[in-house]
């Protein structure tokens, strides 16, 4: 949980051997299915240079925010995304 109905996806890393085999998609599907059951939205923070990760987040409907959500403690990140689940 992050705050009032919003969860945070903090880590989604794959070893180089696991990349390109659909594991990231399976992990994201599982995480978002769970999150949509219990939360209204999912928030994540990343770095702009992680273009492959950003592409994945955008394909899953995450929208880029202009600033972090209030209460964020990840000062090293420079890109913030939010996905709202439909009711």
PDB file of N, CA and C in Angstrom:
ATOM      1  N   UNK A   1       0.831  -1.212   0.000  1.00  0.00           N
ATOM      2  CA  UNK A   1       0.000   0.000   0.000  1.00  0.00           C
ATOM      3  C   UNK A   1       0.865   1.262   0.000  1.00  0.00           C
ATOM      4  N   UNK A   2       0.377   2.296  -0.694  1.00  0.00           N
ATOM      5  CA  UNK A   2       1.068   3.581  -0.723  1.00  0.00           C
ATOM      6  C   UNK A   2       0.281   4.610   0.087  1.00  0.00           C
ATOM      7  N   UNK A   3      -0.946   4.858  -0.308  1.00  0.00           N
ATOM      8  CA  UNK A   3      -1.827   5.765   0.412  1.00  0.00           C
ATOM      9  C   UNK A   3      -3.259   5.596  -0.087  1.00  0.00           C
ATOM     10  N   UNK A   4      -4.234   5.858   0.738  1.00  0.00           N
ATOM     11  CA  UNK A   4      -5.666   5.873   0.406  1.00  0.00           C
ATOM     12  C   UNK A   4      -6.059   5.230  -0.927  1.00  0.00           C
ATOM     13  N   UNK A   5      -6.116   3.935  -0.965  1.00  0.00           N
ATOM     14  CA  UNK A   5      -6.580   3.234  -2.157  1.00  0.00           C
ATOM     15  C   UNK A   5      -5.557   3.101  -3.268  1.00  0.00           C
ATOM     16  N   UNK A   6      -4.317   3.494  -3.017  1.00  0.00           N
ATOM     17  CA  UNK A   6      -3.263   3.410  -4.033  1.00  0.00           C
ATOM     18  C   UNK A   6      -2.160   2.480  -3.523  1.00  0.00           C
ATOM     19  N   UNK A   7      -1.791   1.527  -4.356  1.00  0.00           N
ATOM     20  CA  UNK A   7      -0.658   0.674  -4.017  1.00  0.00           C
ATOM     21  C   UNK A   7       0.549   1.135  -4.822  1.00  0.00           C
ATOM     22  N   UNK A   8       1.714   0.652  -4.435  1.00  0.00           N
ATOM     23  CA  UNK A   8       2.933   1.014  -5.152  1.00  0.00           C
ATOM     24  C   UNK A   8       3.646  -0.242  -5.627  1.00  0.00           C
ATOM     25  N   UNK A   9       3.976  -0.261  -6.898  1.00  0.00           N
ATOM     26  CA  UNK A   9       4.813  -1.315  -7.464  1.00  0.00           C
ATOM     27  C   UNK A   9       6.250  -0.827  -7.312  1.00  0.00           C
ATOM     28  N   UNK A  10       7.009  -1.462  -6.433  1.00  0.00           N
ATOM     29  CA  UNK A  10       8.348  -0.962  -6.125  1.00  0.00           C
ATOM     30  C   UNK A  10       9.455  -1.633  -6.921  1.00  0.00           C
ATOM     31  N   UNK A  11       9.348  -2.893  -7.172  1.00  0.00           N
ATOM     32  CA  UNK A  11      10.432  -3.602  -7.853  1.00  0.00           C
ATOM     33  C   UNK A  11       9.858  -4.563  -8.883  1.00  0.00           C
ATOM     34  N   UNK A  12      10.449  -4.565 -10.065  1.00  0.00           N
ATOM     35  CA  UNK A  12      10.108  -5.549 -11.089  1.00  0.00           C
ATOM     36  C   UNK A  12      11.352  -5.719 -11.956  1.00  0.00           C
ATOM     37  N   UNK A  13      12.244  -6.556 -11.493  1.00  0.00           N
ATOM     38  CA  UNK A  13      13.498  -6.785 -12.195  1.00  0.00           C
ATOM     39  C   UNK A  13      13.562  -8.230 -12.670  1.00  0.00           C
ATOM     40  N   UNK A  14      14.199  -8.424 -13.827  1.00  0.00           N
ATOM     41  CA  UNK A  14      14.427  -9.764 -14.355  1.00  0.00           C
ATOM     42  C   UNK A  14      15.913  -9.942 -14.624  1.00  0.00           C
ATOM     43  N   UNK A  15      16.392 -11.134 -14.390  1.00  0.00           N
ATOM     44  CA  UNK A  15      17.773 -11.421 -14.751  1.00  0.00           C
ATOM     45  C   UNK A  15      17.877 -11.409 -16.274  1.00  0.00           C
ATOM     46  N   UNK A  16      19.043 -11.147 -16.797  1.00  0.00           N
ATOM     47  CA  UNK A  16      19.196 -11.153 -18.255  1.00  0.00           C
ATOM     48  C   UNK A  16      18.729 -12.461 -18.904  1.00  0.00           C
ATOM     49  N   UNK A  17      18.917 -13.593 -18.232  1.00  0.00           N
ATOM     50  CA  UNK A  17      18.481 -14.876 -18.790  1.00  0.00           C
ATOM     51  C   UNK A  17      16.962 -14.974 -18.908  1.00  0.00           C
ATOM     52  N   UNK A  18      16.240 -14.275 -18.038  1.00  0.00           N
ATOM     53  CA  UNK A  18      14.771 -14.335 -18.040  1.00  0.00           C
ATOM     54  C   UNK A  18      14.143 -13.314 -18.974  1.00  0.00           C
ATOM     55  N   UNK A  19      14.917 -12.342 -19.410  1.00  0.00           N
ATOM     56  CA  UNK A  19      14.370 -11.280 -20.257  1.00  0.00           C
ATOM     57  C   UNK A  19      14.028 -11.803 -21.650  1.00  0.00           C
ATOM     58  N   UNK A  20      12.956 -11.237 -22.213  1.00  0.00           N
ATOM     59  CA  UNK A  20      12.560 -11.592 -23.572  1.00  0.00           C
ATOM     60  C   UNK A  20      11.798 -12.898 -23.692  1.00  0.00           C
ATOM     61  N   UNK A  21      11.355 -13.457 -22.587  1.00  0.00           N
ATOM     62  CA  UNK A  21      10.659 -14.742 -22.605  1.00  0.00           C
ATOM     63  C   UNK A  21       9.237 -14.647 -22.066  1.00  0.00           C
ATOM     64  N   UNK A  22       8.766 -13.428 -21.836  1.00  0.00           N
ATOM     65  CA  UNK A  22       7.401 -13.246 -21.348  1.00  0.00           C
ATOM     66  C   UNK A  22       7.258 -13.230 -19.843  1.00  0.00           C
ATOM     67  N   UNK A  23       8.366 -13.359 -19.120  1.00  0.00           N
ATOM     68  CA  UNK A  23       8.288 -13.389 -17.657  1.00  0.00           C
ATOM     69  C   UNK A  23       7.841 -12.039 -17.096  1.00  0.00           C
ATOM     70  N   UNK A  24       8.323 -10.943 -17.671  1.00  0.00           N
ATOM     71  CA  UNK A  24       7.923  -9.613 -17.220  1.00  0.00           C
ATOM     72  C   UNK A  24       6.430  -9.397 -17.377  1.00  0.00           C
ATOM     73  N   UNK A  25       5.891  -9.851 -18.496  1.00  0.00           N
ATOM     74  CA  UNK A  25       4.455  -9.729 -18.737  1.00  0.00           C
ATOM     75  C   UNK A  25       3.672 -10.548 -17.720  1.00  0.00           C
ATOM     76  N   UNK A  26       4.111 -11.767 -17.448  1.00  0.00           N
ATOM     77  CA  UNK A  26       3.423 -12.609 -16.469  1.00  0.00           C
ATOM     78  C   UNK A  26       3.465 -11.983 -15.070  1.00  0.00           C
ATOM     79  N   UNK A  27       4.617 -11.446 -14.698  1.00  0.00           N
ATOM     80  CA  UNK A  27       4.742 -10.797 -13.392  1.00  0.00           C
ATOM     81  C   UNK A  27       3.829  -9.571 -13.308  1.00  0.00           C
ATOM     82  N   UNK A  28       3.835  -8.762 -14.367  1.00  0.00           N
ATOM     83  CA  UNK A  28       2.995  -7.563 -14.366  1.00  0.00           C
ATOM     84  C   UNK A  28       1.522  -7.936 -14.352  1.00  0.00           C
ATOM     85  N   UNK A  29       1.130  -8.933 -15.130  1.00  0.00           N
ATOM     86  CA  UNK A  29      -0.274  -9.386 -15.129  1.00  0.00           C
ATOM     87  C   UNK A  29      -0.704  -9.799 -13.727  1.00  0.00           C
ATOM     88  N   UNK A  30       0.132 -10.582 -13.065  1.00  0.00           N
ATOM     89  CA  UNK A  30      -0.184 -11.060 -11.724  1.00  0.00           C
ATOM     90  C   UNK A  30      -0.268  -9.905 -10.726  1.00  0.00           C
ATOM     91  N   UNK A  31       0.708  -9.012 -10.765  1.00  0.00           N
ATOM     92  CA  UNK A  31       0.728  -7.882  -9.827  1.00  0.00           C
ATOM     93  C   UNK A  31      -0.486  -6.978 -10.024  1.00  0.00           C
ATOM     94  N   UNK A  32      -0.818  -6.674 -11.267  1.00  0.00           N
ATOM     95  CA  UNK A  32      -1.936  -5.759 -11.516  1.00  0.00           C
ATOM     96  C   UNK A  32      -3.291  -6.417 -11.269  1.00  0.00           C
ATOM     97  N   UNK A  33      -3.387  -7.704 -11.509  1.00  0.00           N
ATOM     98  CA  UNK A  33      -4.635  -8.408 -11.184  1.00  0.00           C
ATOM     99  C   UNK A  33      -4.882  -8.345  -9.684  1.00  0.00           C
ATOM    100  N   UNK A  34      -3.849  -8.613  -8.915  1.00  0.00           N
ATOM    101  CA  UNK A  34      -3.970  -8.525  -7.459  1.00  0.00           C
ATOM    102  C   UNK A  34      -4.302  -7.095  -7.036  1.00  0.00           C
ATOM    103  N   UNK A  35      -3.550  -6.142  -7.547  1.00  0.00           N
ATOM    104  CA  UNK A  35      -3.734  -4.741  -7.159  1.00  0.00           C
ATOM    105  C   UNK A  35      -5.139  -4.245  -7.484  1.00  0.00           C
ATOM    106  N   UNK A  36      -5.671  -4.632  -8.631  1.00  0.00           N
ATOM    107  CA  UNK A  36      -6.999  -4.145  -9.032  1.00  0.00           C
ATOM    108  C   UNK A  36      -8.108  -4.699  -8.144  1.00  0.00           C
ATOM    109  N   UNK A  37      -7.834  -5.797  -7.452  1.00  0.00           N
ATOM    110  CA  UNK A  37      -8.817  -6.380  -6.541  1.00  0.00           C
ATOM    111  C   UNK A  37      -8.925  -5.576  -5.245  1.00  0.00           C
ATOM    112  N   UNK A  38      -7.826  -4.988  -4.822  1.00  0.00           N
ATOM    113  CA  UNK A  38      -7.772  -4.351  -3.509  1.00  0.00           C
ATOM    114  C   UNK A  38      -7.546  -2.830  -3.525  1.00  0.00           C
ATOM    115  N   UNK A  39      -7.175  -2.278  -4.680  1.00  0.00           N
ATOM    116  CA  UNK A  39      -6.825  -0.862  -4.747  1.00  0.00           C
ATOM    117  C   UNK A  39      -7.528  -0.181  -5.916  1.00  0.00           C
ATOM    118  N   UNK A  40      -7.584   1.138  -5.848  1.00  0.00           N
ATOM    119  CA  UNK A  40      -8.170   1.947  -6.916  1.00  0.00           C
ATOM    120  C   UNK A  40      -7.149   2.311  -7.980  1.00  0.00           C
ATOM    121  N   UNK A  41      -5.867   2.312  -7.612  1.00  0.00           N
ATOM    122  CA  UNK A  41      -4.806   2.695  -8.538  1.00  0.00           C
ATOM    123  C   UNK A  41      -3.485   2.088  -8.106  1.00  0.00           C
ATOM    124  N   UNK A  42      -2.551   2.062  -9.052  1.00  0.00           N
ATOM    125  CA  UNK A  42      -1.201   1.566  -8.789  1.00  0.00           C
ATOM    126  C   UNK A  42      -0.210   2.643  -9.220  1.00  0.00           C
ATOM    127  N   UNK A  43       0.740   2.931  -8.352  1.00  0.00           N
ATOM    128  CA  UNK A  43       1.739   3.977  -8.556  1.00  0.00           C
ATOM    129  C   UNK A  43       3.113   3.338  -8.658  1.00  0.00           C
ATOM    130  N   UNK A  44       3.967   3.914  -9.478  1.00  0.00           N
ATOM    131  CA  UNK A  44       5.343   3.457  -9.522  1.00  0.00           C
ATOM    132  C   UNK A  44       6.260   4.611  -9.878  1.00  0.00           C
ATOM    133  N   UNK A  45       7.497   4.463  -9.490  1.00  0.00           N
ATOM    134  CA  UNK A  45       8.530   5.445  -9.779  1.00  0.00           C
ATOM    135  C   UNK A  45       9.683   4.725 -10.464  1.00  0.00           C
ATOM    136  N   UNK A  46      10.314   5.418 -11.421  1.00  0.00           N
ATOM    137  CA  UNK A  46      11.407   4.814 -12.165  1.00  0.00           C
ATOM    138  C   UNK A  46      12.364   5.899 -12.625  1.00  0.00           C
ATOM    139  N   UNK A  47      13.327   5.504 -13.417  1.00  0.00           N
ATOM    140  CA  UNK A  47      14.282   6.443 -14.004  1.00  0.00           C
ATOM    141  C   UNK A  47      14.003   6.531 -15.494  1.00  0.00           C
ATOM    142  N   UNK A  48      14.100   7.723 -16.048  1.00  0.00           N
ATOM    143  CA  UNK A  48      13.788   7.949 -17.463  1.00  0.00           C
ATOM    144  C   UNK A  48      14.664   7.117 -18.401  1.00  0.00           C
ATOM    145  N   UNK A  49      15.886   6.789 -17.990  1.00  0.00           N
ATOM    146  CA  UNK A  49      16.759   6.023 -18.886  1.00  0.00           C
ATOM    147  C   UNK A  49      16.366   4.547 -18.986  1.00  0.00           C
ATOM    148  N   UNK A  50      15.459   4.091 -18.142  1.00  0.00           N
ATOM    149  CA  UNK A  50      15.012   2.693 -18.202  1.00  0.00           C
ATOM    150  C   UNK A  50      13.883   2.564 -19.231  1.00  0.00           C
ATOM    151  N   UNK A  51      14.249   2.758 -20.480  1.00  0.00           N
ATOM    152  CA  UNK A  51      13.248   2.863 -21.547  1.00  0.00           C
ATOM    153  C   UNK A  51      12.452   1.569 -21.763  1.00  0.00           C
ATOM    154  N   UNK A  52      13.076   0.429 -21.592  1.00  0.00           N
ATOM    155  CA  UNK A  52      12.343  -0.834 -21.761  1.00  0.00           C
ATOM    156  C   UNK A  52      11.268  -0.960 -20.690  1.00  0.00           C
ATOM    157  N   UNK A  53      11.605  -0.621 -19.464  1.00  0.00           N
ATOM    158  CA  UNK A  53      10.632  -0.683 -18.367  1.00  0.00           C
ATOM    159  C   UNK A  53       9.507   0.320 -18.607  1.00  0.00           C
ATOM    160  N   UNK A  54       9.854   1.521 -19.021  1.00  0.00           N
ATOM    161  CA  UNK A  54       8.841   2.544 -19.281  1.00  0.00           C
ATOM    162  C   UNK A  54       7.900   2.094 -20.391  1.00  0.00           C
ATOM    163  N   UNK A  55       8.441   1.468 -21.422  1.00  0.00           N
ATOM    164  CA  UNK A  55       7.590   0.934 -22.491  1.00  0.00           C
ATOM    165  C   UNK A  55       6.608  -0.091 -21.959  1.00  0.00           C
ATOM    166  N   UNK A  56       7.053  -0.957 -21.069  1.00  0.00           N
ATOM    167  CA  UNK A  56       6.181  -1.954 -20.451  1.00  0.00           C
ATOM    168  C   UNK A  56       5.079  -1.264 -19.649  1.00  0.00           C
ATOM    169  N   UNK A  57       5.457  -0.286 -18.836  1.00  0.00           N
ATOM    170  CA  UNK A  57       4.466   0.411 -18.022  1.00  0.00           C
ATOM    171  C   UNK A  57       3.431   1.111 -18.893  1.00  0.00           C
ATOM    172  N   UNK A  58       3.867   1.728 -19.966  1.00  0.00           N
ATOM    173  CA  UNK A  58       2.932   2.418 -20.856  1.00  0.00           C
ATOM    174  C   UNK A  58       1.996   1.430 -21.557  1.00  0.00           C
ATOM    175  N   UNK A  59       2.511   0.290 -21.948  1.00  0.00           N
ATOM    176  CA  UNK A  59       1.649  -0.734 -22.574  1.00  0.00           C
ATOM    177  C   UNK A  59       0.577  -1.224 -21.606  1.00  0.00           C
ATOM    178  N   UNK A  60       0.860  -1.150 -20.328  1.00  0.00           N
ATOM    179  CA  UNK A  60      -0.112  -1.564 -19.321  1.00  0.00           C
ATOM    180  C   UNK A  60      -1.006  -0.425 -18.853  1.00  0.00           C
ATOM    181  N   UNK A  61      -0.935   0.708 -19.503  1.00  0.00           N
ATOM    182  CA  UNK A  61      -1.857   1.792 -19.214  1.00  0.00           C
ATOM    183  C   UNK A  61      -1.439   2.736 -18.110  1.00  0.00           C
ATOM    184  N   UNK A  62      -0.180   2.701 -17.708  1.00  0.00           N
ATOM    185  CA  UNK A  62       0.313   3.668 -16.737  1.00  0.00           C
ATOM    186  C   UNK A  62       0.497   5.013 -17.437  1.00  0.00           C
ATOM    187  N   UNK A  63       0.112   6.082 -16.762  1.00  0.00           N
ATOM    188  CA  UNK A  63       0.252   7.437 -17.299  1.00  0.00           C
ATOM    189  C   UNK A  63       1.356   8.167 -16.554  1.00  0.00           C
ATOM    190  N   UNK A  64       2.167   8.896 -17.314  1.00  0.00           N
ATOM    191  CA  UNK A  64       3.249   9.679 -16.739  1.00  0.00           C
ATOM    192  C   UNK A  64       2.680  10.860 -15.953  1.00  0.00           C
ATOM    193  N   UNK A  65       3.181  11.045 -14.739  1.00  0.00           N
ATOM    194  CA  UNK A  65       2.790  12.179 -13.901  1.00  0.00           C
ATOM    195  C   UNK A  65       3.866  13.264 -13.991  1.00  0.00           C
ATOM    196  N   UNK A  66       3.507  14.490 -13.690  1.00  0.00           N
ATOM    197  CA  UNK A  66       4.471  15.588 -13.737  1.00  0.00           C
ATOM    198  C   UNK A  66       5.334  15.667 -12.477  1.00  0.00           C
ATOM    199  N   UNK A  67       4.906  14.997 -11.423  1.00  0.00           N
ATOM    200  CA  UNK A  67       5.655  14.987 -10.164  1.00  0.00           C
ATOM    201  C   UNK A  67       5.261  13.760  -9.368  1.00  0.00           C
ATOM    202  N   UNK A  68       6.066  13.403  -8.363  1.00  0.00           N
ATOM    203  CA  UNK A  68       5.713  12.229  -7.554  1.00  0.00           C
ATOM    204  C   UNK A  68       4.463  12.488  -6.718  1.00  0.00           C
ATOM    205  N   UNK A  69       3.790  11.414  -6.348  1.00  0.00           N
ATOM    206  CA  UNK A  69       2.662  11.550  -5.436  1.00  0.00           C
ATOM    207  C   UNK A  69       3.181  11.997  -4.074  1.00  0.00           C
ATOM    208  N   UNK A  70       2.365  12.729  -3.386  1.00  0.00           N
ATOM    209  CA  UNK A  70       2.741  13.191  -2.056  1.00  0.00           C
ATOM    210  C   UNK A  70       3.013  11.991  -1.162  1.00  0.00           C
ATOM    211  N   UNK A  71       4.100  12.053  -0.427  1.00  0.00           N
ATOM    212  CA  UNK A  71       4.481  10.957   0.462  1.00  0.00           C
ATOM    213  C   UNK A  71       5.561  10.064  -0.114  1.00  0.00           C
ATOM    214  N   UNK A  72       5.972  10.339  -1.340  1.00  0.00           N
ATOM    215  CA  UNK A  72       7.022   9.538  -1.959  1.00  0.00           C
ATOM    216  C   UNK A  72       8.346   9.767  -1.249  1.00  0.00           C
ATOM    217  N   UNK A  73       9.111   8.694  -1.095  1.00  0.00           N
ATOM    218  CA  UNK A  73      10.406   8.787  -0.430  1.00  0.00           C
ATOM    219  C   UNK A  73      11.557   8.374  -1.338  1.00  0.00           C
ATOM    220  N   UNK A  74      11.291   8.212  -2.637  1.00  0.00           N
ATOM    221  CA  UNK A  74      12.312   7.735  -3.573  1.00  0.00           C
ATOM    222  C   UNK A  74      12.901   8.916  -4.343  1.00  0.00           C
ATOM    223  N   UNK A  75      13.770   9.667  -3.716  1.00  0.00           N
ATOM    224  CA  UNK A  75      14.281  10.900  -4.311  1.00  0.00           C
ATOM    225  C   UNK A  75      15.183  10.679  -5.520  1.00  0.00           C
ATOM    226  N   UNK A  76      15.666   9.476  -5.736  1.00  0.00           N
ATOM    227  CA  UNK A  76      16.564   9.221  -6.865  1.00  0.00           C
ATOM    228  C   UNK A  76      15.804   8.993  -8.178  1.00  0.00           C
ATOM    229  N   UNK A  77      14.500   8.898  -8.124  1.00  0.00           N
ATOM    230  CA  UNK A  77      13.708   8.632  -9.316  1.00  0.00           C
ATOM    231  C   UNK A  77      13.302   9.939 -10.000  1.00  0.00           C
ATOM    232  N   UNK A  78      13.140   9.871 -11.328  1.00  0.00           N
ATOM    233  CA  UNK A  78      12.779  11.086 -12.061  1.00  0.00           C
ATOM    234  C   UNK A  78      11.595  10.899 -13.008  1.00  0.00           C
ATOM    235  N   UNK A  79      10.878   9.791 -12.861  1.00  0.00           N
ATOM    236  CA  UNK A  79       9.679   9.542 -13.663  1.00  0.00           C
ATOM    237  C   UNK A  79       8.664   8.821 -12.782  1.00  0.00           C
ATOM    238  N   UNK A  80       7.428   9.298 -12.811  1.00  0.00           N
ATOM    239  CA  UNK A  80       6.376   8.795 -11.911  1.00  0.00           C
ATOM    240  C   UNK A  80       5.175   8.423 -12.732  1.00  0.00           C
ATOM    241  N   UNK A  81       4.608   7.251 -12.458  1.00  0.00           N
ATOM    242  CA  UNK A  81       3.492   6.734 -13.249  1.00  0.00           C
ATOM    243  C   UNK A  81       2.350   6.284 -12.356  1.00  0.00           C
ATOM    244  N   UNK A  82       1.142   6.393 -12.898  1.00  0.00           N
ATOM    245  CA  UNK A  82      -0.045   5.965 -12.180  1.00  0.00           C
ATOM    246  C   UNK A  82      -0.972   5.233 -13.142  1.00  0.00           C
ATOM    247  N   UNK A  83      -1.503   4.127 -12.685  1.00  0.00           N
ATOM    248  CA  UNK A  83      -2.529   3.391 -13.435  1.00  0.00           C
ATOM    249  C   UNK A  83      -3.765   3.331 -12.546  1.00  0.00           C
ATOM    250  N   UNK A  84      -4.870   3.827 -13.070  1.00  0.00           N
ATOM    251  CA  UNK A  84      -6.135   3.793 -12.341  1.00  0.00           C
ATOM    252  C   UNK A  84      -6.938   2.598 -12.824  1.00  0.00           C
ATOM    253  N   UNK A  85      -7.510   1.863 -11.891  1.00  0.00           N
ATOM    254  CA  UNK A  85      -8.319   0.692 -12.236  1.00  0.00           C
ATOM    255  C   UNK A  85      -9.761   1.131 -12.371  1.00  0.00           C
ATOM    256  N   UNK A  86     -10.442   0.624 -13.372  1.00  0.00           N
ATOM    257  CA  UNK A  86     -11.862   0.965 -13.545  1.00  0.00           C
ATOM    258  C   UNK A  86     -12.693   0.177 -12.551  1.00  0.00           C
ATOM    259  N   UNK A  87     -13.741   0.809 -12.074  1.00  0.00           N
ATOM    260  CA  UNK A  87     -14.596   0.182 -11.047  1.00  0.00           C
ATOM    261  C   UNK A  87     -15.560  -0.781 -11.666  1.00  0.00           C
TER     262      UNK A  87
END
